[in-house]
């Protein structure tokens, strides 16, 4: 329940302060984190290495 509150609070911060430039940064970091985590857990490493 605490993690959901953090996400809600962060989205409220973005809307309240009109810091829309933060959304692409956060999305890119999430995608990069998912790629890093998934490269260690299953055999997608050759595909990820091909991207970079």
PDB file of N, CA and C in Angstrom:
ATOM      1  N   UNK A   1       0.826  -1.197   0.000  1.00  0.00           N
ATOM      2  CA  UNK A   1       0.000   0.000   0.000  1.00  0.00           C
ATOM      3  C   UNK A   1       0.866   1.255   0.000  1.00  0.00           C
ATOM      4  N   UNK A   2       2.047   1.187   0.606  1.00  0.00           N
ATOM      5  CA  UNK A   2       2.926   2.345   0.674  1.00  0.00           C
ATOM      6  C   UNK A   2       3.492   2.731  -0.681  1.00  0.00           C
ATOM      7  N   UNK A   3       3.785   1.727  -1.530  1.00  0.00           N
ATOM      8  CA  UNK A   3       4.346   2.026  -2.841  1.00  0.00           C
ATOM      9  C   UNK A   3       3.328   2.731  -3.729  1.00  0.00           C
ATOM     10  N   UNK A   4       2.073   2.360  -3.596  1.00  0.00           N
ATOM     11  CA  UNK A   4       1.024   3.008  -4.392  1.00  0.00           C
ATOM     12  C   UNK A   4       0.883   4.465  -3.980  1.00  0.00           C
ATOM     13  N   UNK A   5       1.007   4.745  -2.695  1.00  0.00           N
ATOM     14  CA  UNK A   5       0.923   6.127  -2.227  1.00  0.00           C
ATOM     15  C   UNK A   5       2.074   6.965  -2.764  1.00  0.00           C
ATOM     16  N   UNK A   6       3.254   6.380  -2.878  1.00  0.00           N
ATOM     17  CA  UNK A   6       4.401   7.110  -3.418  1.00  0.00           C
ATOM     18  C   UNK A   6       4.160   7.466  -4.881  1.00  0.00           C
ATOM     19  N   UNK A   7       3.617   6.527  -5.635  1.00  0.00           N
ATOM     20  CA  UNK A   7       3.325   6.780  -7.049  1.00  0.00           C
ATOM     21  C   UNK A   7       2.259   7.856  -7.191  1.00  0.00           C
ATOM     22  N   UNK A   8       1.203   7.777  -6.376  1.00  0.00           N
ATOM     23  CA  UNK A   8       0.146   8.796  -6.410  1.00  0.00           C
ATOM     24  C   UNK A   8       0.704  10.172  -6.060  1.00  0.00           C
ATOM     25  N   UNK A   9       1.537  10.212  -5.033  1.00  0.00           N
ATOM     26  CA  UNK A   9       2.114  11.490  -4.599  1.00  0.00           C
ATOM     27  C   UNK A   9       3.032  12.073  -5.677  1.00  0.00           C
ATOM     28  N   UNK A  10       3.809  11.208  -6.337  1.00  0.00           N
ATOM     29  CA  UNK A  10       4.691  11.676  -7.399  1.00  0.00           C
ATOM     30  C   UNK A  10       3.883  12.224  -8.570  1.00  0.00           C
ATOM     31  N   UNK A  11       2.835  11.520  -8.981  1.00  0.00           N
ATOM     32  CA  UNK A  11       1.984  12.009 -10.075  1.00  0.00           C
ATOM     33  C   UNK A  11       1.288  13.315  -9.690  1.00  0.00           C
ATOM     34  N   UNK A  12       0.857  13.415  -8.450  1.00  0.00           N
ATOM     35  CA  UNK A  12       0.237  14.662  -7.983  1.00  0.00           C
ATOM     36  C   UNK A  12       1.253  15.809  -8.022  1.00  0.00           C
ATOM     37  N   UNK A  13       2.489  15.531  -7.652  1.00  0.00           N
ATOM     38  CA  UNK A  13       3.557  16.538  -7.712  1.00  0.00           C
ATOM     39  C   UNK A  13       3.771  17.018  -9.145  1.00  0.00           C
ATOM     40  N   UNK A  14       3.790  16.073 -10.098  1.00  0.00           N
ATOM     41  CA  UNK A  14       4.003  16.443 -11.501  1.00  0.00           C
ATOM     42  C   UNK A  14       2.856  17.307 -12.009  1.00  0.00           C
ATOM     43  N   UNK A  15       1.629  16.924 -11.695  1.00  0.00           N
ATOM     44  CA  UNK A  15       0.467  17.692 -12.171  1.00  0.00           C
ATOM     45  C   UNK A  15       0.409  19.060 -11.498  1.00  0.00           C
ATOM     46  N   UNK A  16       0.659  19.091 -10.190  1.00  0.00           N
ATOM     47  CA  UNK A  16       0.555  20.345  -9.441  1.00  0.00           C
ATOM     48  C   UNK A  16       1.608  21.365  -9.889  1.00  0.00           C
ATOM     49  N   UNK A  17       2.846  20.906 -10.115  1.00  0.00           N
ATOM     50  CA  UNK A  17       3.926  21.818 -10.474  1.00  0.00           C
ATOM     51  C   UNK A  17       4.147  21.945 -11.973  1.00  0.00           C
ATOM     52  N   UNK A  18       3.358  21.201 -12.746  1.00  0.00           N
ATOM     53  CA  UNK A  18       3.455  21.227 -14.212  1.00  0.00           C
ATOM     54  C   UNK A  18       4.867  20.893 -14.693  1.00  0.00           C
ATOM     55  N   UNK A  19       5.472  19.904 -14.066  1.00  0.00           N
ATOM     56  CA  UNK A  19       6.795  19.426 -14.456  1.00  0.00           C
ATOM     57  C   UNK A  19       6.643  18.219 -15.380  1.00  0.00           C
ATOM     58  N   UNK A  20       6.082  18.455 -16.544  1.00  0.00           N
ATOM     59  CA  UNK A  20       5.787  17.356 -17.468  1.00  0.00           C
ATOM     60  C   UNK A  20       7.046  16.745 -18.055  1.00  0.00           C
ATOM     61  N   UNK A  21       8.165  17.457 -17.999  1.00  0.00           N
ATOM     62  CA  UNK A  21       9.409  16.922 -18.545  1.00  0.00           C
ATOM     63  C   UNK A  21       9.923  15.750 -17.714  1.00  0.00           C
ATOM     64  N   UNK A  22       9.430  15.588 -16.488  1.00  0.00           N
ATOM     65  CA  UNK A  22       9.878  14.488 -15.647  1.00  0.00           C
ATOM     66  C   UNK A  22       9.333  13.130 -16.108  1.00  0.00           C
ATOM     67  N   UNK A  23       8.182  13.124 -16.752  1.00  0.00           N
ATOM     68  CA  UNK A  23       7.581  11.853 -17.160  1.00  0.00           C
ATOM     69  C   UNK A  23       8.447  11.053 -18.129  1.00  0.00           C
ATOM     70  N   UNK A  24       8.987  11.635 -19.202  1.00  0.00           N
ATOM     71  CA  UNK A  24       9.844  10.836 -20.079  1.00  0.00           C
ATOM     72  C   UNK A  24      11.102  10.323 -19.380  1.00  0.00           C
ATOM     73  N   UNK A  25      11.642  11.106 -18.452  1.00  0.00           N
ATOM     74  CA  UNK A  25      12.831  10.669 -17.719  1.00  0.00           C
ATOM     75  C   UNK A  25      12.501   9.448 -16.864  1.00  0.00           C
ATOM     76  N   UNK A  26      11.395   9.508 -16.153  1.00  0.00           N
ATOM     77  CA  UNK A  26      10.990   8.397 -15.288  1.00  0.00           C
ATOM     78  C   UNK A  26      10.669   7.159 -16.121  1.00  0.00           C
ATOM     79  N   UNK A  27       9.974   7.335 -17.232  1.00  0.00           N
ATOM     80  CA  UNK A  27       9.635   6.196 -18.093  1.00  0.00           C
ATOM     81  C   UNK A  27      10.898   5.560 -18.660  1.00  0.00           C
ATOM     82  N   UNK A  28      11.845   6.371 -19.092  1.00  0.00           N
ATOM     83  CA  UNK A  28      13.099   5.835 -19.627  1.00  0.00           C
ATOM     84  C   UNK A  28      13.872   5.077 -18.553  1.00  0.00           C
ATOM     85  N   UNK A  29      13.906   5.595 -17.340  1.00  0.00           N
ATOM     86  CA  UNK A  29      14.595   4.906 -16.259  1.00  0.00           C
ATOM     87  C   UNK A  29      13.916   3.595 -15.901  1.00  0.00           C
ATOM     88  N   UNK A  30      12.589   3.575 -15.933  1.00  0.00           N
ATOM     89  CA  UNK A  30      11.862   2.330 -15.663  1.00  0.00           C
ATOM     90  C   UNK A  30      12.145   1.280 -16.727  1.00  0.00           C
ATOM     91  N   UNK A  31      12.145   1.683 -17.979  1.00  0.00           N
ATOM     92  CA  UNK A  31      12.427   0.739 -19.068  1.00  0.00           C
ATOM     93  C   UNK A  31      13.852   0.210 -18.957  1.00  0.00           C
ATOM     94  N   UNK A  32      14.793   1.093 -18.666  1.00  0.00           N
ATOM     95  CA  UNK A  32      16.182   0.669 -18.511  1.00  0.00           C
ATOM     96  C   UNK A  32      16.331  -0.289 -17.334  1.00  0.00           C
ATOM     97  N   UNK A  33      15.657  -0.005 -16.241  1.00  0.00           N
ATOM     98  CA  UNK A  33      15.699  -0.897 -15.082  1.00  0.00           C
ATOM     99  C   UNK A  33      15.107  -2.255 -15.379  1.00  0.00           C
ATOM    100  N   UNK A  34      14.000  -2.282 -16.118  1.00  0.00           N
ATOM    101  CA  UNK A  34      13.390  -3.557 -16.493  1.00  0.00           C
ATOM    102  C   UNK A  34      14.317  -4.345 -17.401  1.00  0.00           C
ATOM    103  N   UNK A  35      14.980  -3.664 -18.330  1.00  0.00           N
ATOM    104  CA  UNK A  35      15.930  -4.356 -19.201  1.00  0.00           C
ATOM    105  C   UNK A  35      17.103  -4.936 -18.420  1.00  0.00           C
ATOM    106  N   UNK A  36      17.609  -4.195 -17.458  1.00  0.00           N
ATOM    107  CA  UNK A  36      18.737  -4.673 -16.663  1.00  0.00           C
ATOM    108  C   UNK A  36      18.322  -5.869 -15.815  1.00  0.00           C
ATOM    109  N   UNK A  37      17.168  -5.785 -15.195  1.00  0.00           N
ATOM    110  CA  UNK A  37      16.690  -6.892 -14.358  1.00  0.00           C
ATOM    111  C   UNK A  37      16.398  -8.127 -15.206  1.00  0.00           C
ATOM    112  N   UNK A  38      15.764  -7.907 -16.339  1.00  0.00           N
ATOM    113  CA  UNK A  38      15.398  -9.058 -17.167  1.00  0.00           C
ATOM    114  C   UNK A  38      16.611  -9.696 -17.834  1.00  0.00           C
ATOM    115  N   UNK A  39      17.661  -8.947 -18.061  1.00  0.00           N
ATOM    116  CA  UNK A  39      18.843  -9.527 -18.691  1.00  0.00           C
ATOM    117  C   UNK A  39      19.536 -10.518 -17.769  1.00  0.00           C
ATOM    118  N   UNK A  40      19.361 -10.359 -16.488  1.00  0.00           N
ATOM    119  CA  UNK A  40      19.971 -11.288 -15.555  1.00  0.00           C
ATOM    120  C   UNK A  40      19.109 -12.492 -15.236  1.00  0.00           C
ATOM    121  N   UNK A  41      17.815 -12.430 -15.545  1.00  0.00           N
ATOM    122  CA  UNK A  41      16.922 -13.498 -15.124  1.00  0.00           C
ATOM    123  C   UNK A  41      16.568 -14.479 -16.234  1.00  0.00           C
ATOM    124  N   UNK A  42      16.581 -14.070 -17.476  1.00  0.00           N
ATOM    125  CA  UNK A  42      16.302 -15.021 -18.542  1.00  0.00           C
ATOM    126  C   UNK A  42      17.183 -14.743 -19.744  1.00  0.00           C
ATOM    127  N   UNK A  43      17.058 -15.547 -20.744  1.00  0.00           N
ATOM    128  CA  UNK A  43      18.029 -15.507 -21.839  1.00  0.00           C
ATOM    129  C   UNK A  43      17.700 -14.462 -22.897  1.00  0.00           C
ATOM    130  N   UNK A  44      17.438 -13.238 -22.481  1.00  0.00           N
ATOM    131  CA  UNK A  44      17.207 -12.150 -23.422  1.00  0.00           C
ATOM    132  C   UNK A  44      18.474 -11.320 -23.614  1.00  0.00           C
ATOM    133  N   UNK A  45      19.541 -11.741 -22.989  1.00  0.00           N
ATOM    134  CA  UNK A  45      20.783 -10.970 -23.039  1.00  0.00           C
ATOM    135  C   UNK A  45      21.269 -10.718 -24.471  1.00  0.00           C
ATOM    136  N   UNK A  46      21.251 -11.688 -25.381  1.00  0.00           N
ATOM    137  CA  UNK A  46      21.721 -11.393 -26.740  1.00  0.00           C
ATOM    138  C   UNK A  46      20.908 -10.305 -27.436  1.00  0.00           C
ATOM    139  N   UNK A  47      19.623 -10.251 -27.146  1.00  0.00           N
ATOM    140  CA  UNK A  47      18.779  -9.223 -27.770  1.00  0.00           C
ATOM    141  C   UNK A  47      19.045  -7.847 -27.170  1.00  0.00           C
ATOM    142  N   UNK A  48      19.286  -7.790 -25.864  1.00  0.00           N
ATOM    143  CA  UNK A  48      19.555  -6.517 -25.221  1.00  0.00           C
ATOM    144  C   UNK A  48      20.928  -5.993 -25.644  1.00  0.00           C
ATOM    145  N   UNK A  49      21.912  -6.880 -25.743  1.00  0.00           N
ATOM    146  CA  UNK A  49      23.244  -6.452 -26.166  1.00  0.00           C
ATOM    147  C   UNK A  49      23.221  -5.938 -27.599  1.00  0.00           C
ATOM    148  N   UNK A  50      22.336  -6.471 -28.405  1.00  0.00           N
ATOM    149  CA  UNK A  50      22.232  -6.010 -29.785  1.00  0.00           C
ATOM    150  C   UNK A  50      21.693  -4.582 -29.866  1.00  0.00           C
ATOM    151  N   UNK A  51      20.922  -4.172 -28.872  1.00  0.00           N
ATOM    152  CA  UNK A  51      20.377  -2.818 -28.853  1.00  0.00           C
ATOM    153  C   UNK A  51      21.468  -1.777 -28.617  1.00  0.00           C
ATOM    154  N   UNK A  52      22.466  -2.146 -27.836  1.00  0.00           N
ATOM    155  CA  UNK A  52      23.509  -1.192 -27.476  1.00  0.00           C
ATOM    156  C   UNK A  52      24.777  -1.483 -28.237  1.00  0.00           C
TER     157      UNK A  52
END
